[in-house]
Amino acid sequence: MDLYHVVVEIHGEKKPLFLFGDLSKSDLRKRFLNPYYLGKPVLKKNQVVDLSRVVSVQIRMTKSSASSELEDLKAKSKAEIDELNRGSGMVFIGFGRGYADEDIVECGTDVTAEFVKAPPGQGTAVSKLVGFLHNPWVLRVGGGIVLIVVGFLLAKWLSA
């Protein structure tokens, strides 16, 4: 099963924020994409994240859970550091990658372009349709057309 993970950068924050992980496609839409397009805040543990301030989004798709992917990344990173230390006279010391949840951006496939096509707060297709239907011009013209059709059908029914 495909799992989706969301990492965002918020205006004014110094480092990326791992927002959601291990989401199904429908959960991704409900928990991130709809609030993102509506510019609404979401809750990450006990922190309110204002999605209208998002400046960067990365959505990654993996076949296994975030914890499993990060463990694989840790092992790969450790092997790379060990190889560097073996081949040179210098010793590199460091944690490597895979220890922070945000490192999930190095795993799986980047599917951001498939889901994010506009900045935050631009509205979903449904919210745009509702906005269009609530336009006074559309209400007047549409209401007039409905009244004409109802009147025509009523006249036809009465004459029969």
Protein backbone atom coordinates (compact mmCIF):
# COMPACT_ATOMS: atom_id res chain seq x y z
CA MET A 1 0.00 0.00 0.00
CA ASP A 2 1.25 3.48 -0.82
CA LEU A 3 1.84 5.77 2.15
CA TYR A 4 2.19 9.54 1.92
CA HIS A 5 4.30 11.85 4.08
CA VAL A 6 4.10 15.66 4.18
CA VAL A 7 6.94 18.04 5.04
CA VAL A 8 6.36 21.80 4.87
CA GLU A 9 8.36 24.95 5.35
CA ILE A 10 6.56 27.77 7.16
CA HIS A 11 7.37 31.44 6.53
CA GLY A 12 9.65 32.67 9.30
CA GLU A 13 10.64 29.21 10.58
CA LYS A 14 14.24 28.06 10.29
CA LYS A 15 13.75 24.37 9.56
CA PRO A 16 11.22 22.21 7.72
CA LEU A 17 8.35 20.66 9.66
CA PHE A 18 7.29 17.03 9.31
CA LEU A 19 3.55 17.56 9.31
CA PHE A 20 2.00 14.17 8.58
CA GLY A 21 3.25 10.68 7.87
CA ASP A 22 1.90 7.28 6.93
CA LEU A 23 -1.27 8.69 5.32
CA SER A 24 -3.45 6.92 2.79
CA LYS A 25 -4.42 8.91 -0.30
CA SER A 26 -7.85 9.74 1.15
CA ASP A 27 -6.30 10.77 4.50
CA LEU A 28 -3.83 12.97 2.62
CA ARG A 29 -6.75 14.77 0.97
CA LYS A 30 -8.74 15.14 4.20
CA ARG A 31 -5.96 16.01 6.63
CA PHE A 32 -3.64 18.09 4.43
CA LEU A 33 -4.81 18.98 0.90
CA ASN A 34 -8.28 20.33 1.77
CA PRO A 35 -7.02 22.53 4.64
CA TYR A 36 -4.05 23.60 2.49
CA TYR A 37 -6.21 24.74 -0.43
CA LEU A 38 -8.62 26.48 1.96
CA GLY A 39 -5.73 28.12 3.86
CA LYS A 40 -6.95 26.72 7.17
CA PRO A 41 -4.82 25.69 10.14
CA VAL A 42 -4.20 22.06 11.07
CA LEU A 43 -3.19 20.45 14.33
CA LYS A 44 0.11 18.57 14.58
CA LYS A 45 0.19 16.94 17.99
CA ASN A 46 -0.31 19.99 20.23
CA GLN A 47 0.88 22.61 17.72
CA VAL A 48 -1.43 24.62 15.47
CA VAL A 49 0.14 24.99 12.03
CA ASP A 50 -1.17 27.85 9.86
CA LEU A 51 -1.13 26.43 6.35
CA SER A 52 -1.67 29.89 4.83
CA ARG A 53 1.97 30.62 5.79
CA VAL A 54 3.41 27.60 3.94
CA VAL A 55 6.19 28.53 1.51
CA SER A 56 7.24 25.01 0.49
CA VAL A 57 5.59 21.59 0.41
CA GLN A 58 7.04 18.16 -0.19
CA ILE A 59 4.84 15.11 -0.42
CA ARG A 60 6.68 11.80 -0.56
CA MET A 61 5.17 8.41 -1.36
CA THR A 62 6.71 5.27 0.08
CA LYS A 63 5.78 1.59 0.14
CA SER A 64 6.56 1.19 3.84
CA SER A 65 6.06 3.26 6.99
CA ALA A 66 8.05 6.39 7.77
CA SER A 67 9.84 4.69 10.67
CA SER A 68 10.93 1.81 8.43
CA GLU A 69 12.09 4.19 5.68
CA LEU A 70 14.06 6.28 8.20
CA GLU A 71 15.73 3.16 9.62
CA ASP A 72 16.84 2.21 6.10
CA LEU A 73 18.12 5.77 5.57
CA LYS A 74 20.08 5.59 8.87
CA ALA A 75 21.72 2.34 7.78
CA LYS A 76 22.58 3.74 4.35
CA SER A 77 23.95 6.96 5.86
CA LYS A 78 26.07 5.03 8.39
CA ALA A 79 27.48 2.86 5.60
CA GLU A 80 28.40 6.01 3.61
CA ILE A 81 30.17 7.55 6.63
CA ASP A 82 31.99 4.28 7.35
CA GLU A 83 33.13 4.13 3.71
CA LEU A 84 34.42 7.72 3.87
CA ASN A 85 36.28 6.98 7.10
CA ARG A 86 37.81 3.83 5.65
CA GLY A 87 39.09 5.47 2.51
CA SER A 88 40.68 8.65 3.87
CA GLY A 89 43.14 9.58 6.56
CA MET A 90 40.53 11.81 8.21
CA VAL A 91 37.70 10.67 10.42
CA PHE A 92 34.21 12.03 9.89
CA ILE A 93 32.02 12.09 12.97
CA GLY A 94 28.30 12.75 12.75
CA PHE A 95 24.87 11.31 13.18
CA GLY A 96 24.18 11.07 9.49
CA ARG A 97 20.68 11.15 8.06
CA GLY A 98 17.49 9.41 9.12
CA TYR A 99 17.31 10.61 12.71
CA ALA A 100 14.85 13.48 12.15
CA ASP A 101 11.33 12.91 10.83
CA GLU A 102 11.98 15.61 8.22
CA ASP A 103 14.60 13.35 6.62
CA ILE A 104 11.69 11.44 5.03
CA VAL A 105 12.16 13.83 2.07
CA GLU A 106 15.15 11.67 1.08
CA CYS A 107 12.98 8.53 0.89
CA GLY A 108 10.47 7.27 -1.62
CA THR A 109 9.13 9.20 -4.58
CA ASP A 110 8.35 12.91 -4.75
CA VAL A 111 4.66 13.19 -5.72
CA THR A 112 4.17 16.84 -4.74
CA ALA A 113 3.37 18.00 -8.29
CA GLU A 114 0.58 15.41 -8.52
CA PHE A 115 -1.27 16.92 -5.55
CA VAL A 116 -0.15 20.54 -5.11
CA LYS A 117 -1.03 22.72 -8.07
CA ALA A 118 -1.64 26.11 -6.41
CA PRO A 119 -0.56 28.16 -3.40
CA PRO A 120 -2.37 27.74 -0.07
CA GLY A 121 -5.74 29.41 0.30
CA GLN A 122 -6.70 29.18 -3.39
CA GLY A 123 -9.73 27.00 -2.64
CA THR A 124 -10.80 23.51 -3.64
CA ALA A 125 -12.90 22.74 -6.71
CA VAL A 126 -16.01 22.47 -4.49
CA SER A 127 -15.34 25.78 -2.71
CA LYS A 128 -14.79 27.50 -6.07
CA LEU A 129 -18.08 26.08 -7.41
CA VAL A 130 -19.97 27.19 -4.29
CA GLY A 131 -18.40 30.64 -4.58
CA PHE A 132 -19.46 30.83 -8.23
CA LEU A 133 -23.02 29.75 -7.42
CA HIS A 134 -23.26 32.37 -4.66
CA ASN A 135 -22.35 35.15 -7.05
CA PRO A 136 -25.33 37.59 -7.16
CA TRP A 137 -25.31 37.67 -10.96
CA VAL A 138 -25.44 33.86 -11.18
CA LEU A 139 -28.23 33.74 -8.59
CA ARG A 140 -30.34 36.30 -10.48
CA VAL A 141 -29.86 34.85 -13.95
CA GLY A 142 -30.07 31.24 -12.73
CA GLY A 143 -33.16 32.03 -10.65
CA GLY A 144 -34.78 33.73 -13.64
CA ILE A 145 -34.11 30.74 -15.87
CA VAL A 146 -35.52 28.37 -13.24
CA LEU A 147 -38.68 30.52 -12.93
CA ILE A 148 -39.15 30.57 -16.72
CA VAL A 149 -38.76 26.78 -16.95
CA VAL A 150 -41.13 26.17 -14.02
CA GLY A 151 -43.66 28.61 -15.52
CA PHE A 152 -43.44 26.89 -18.91
CA LEU A 153 -43.90 23.43 -17.36
CA LEU A 154 -46.79 24.67 -15.21
CA ALA A 155 -48.51 26.27 -18.26
CA LYS A 156 -48.05 23.06 -20.25
CA TRP A 157 -49.46 20.98 -17.39
CA LEU A 158 -52.49 23.28 -16.94
CA SER A 159 -53.28 23.31 -20.67
CA ALA A 160 -53.25 19.51 -20.90
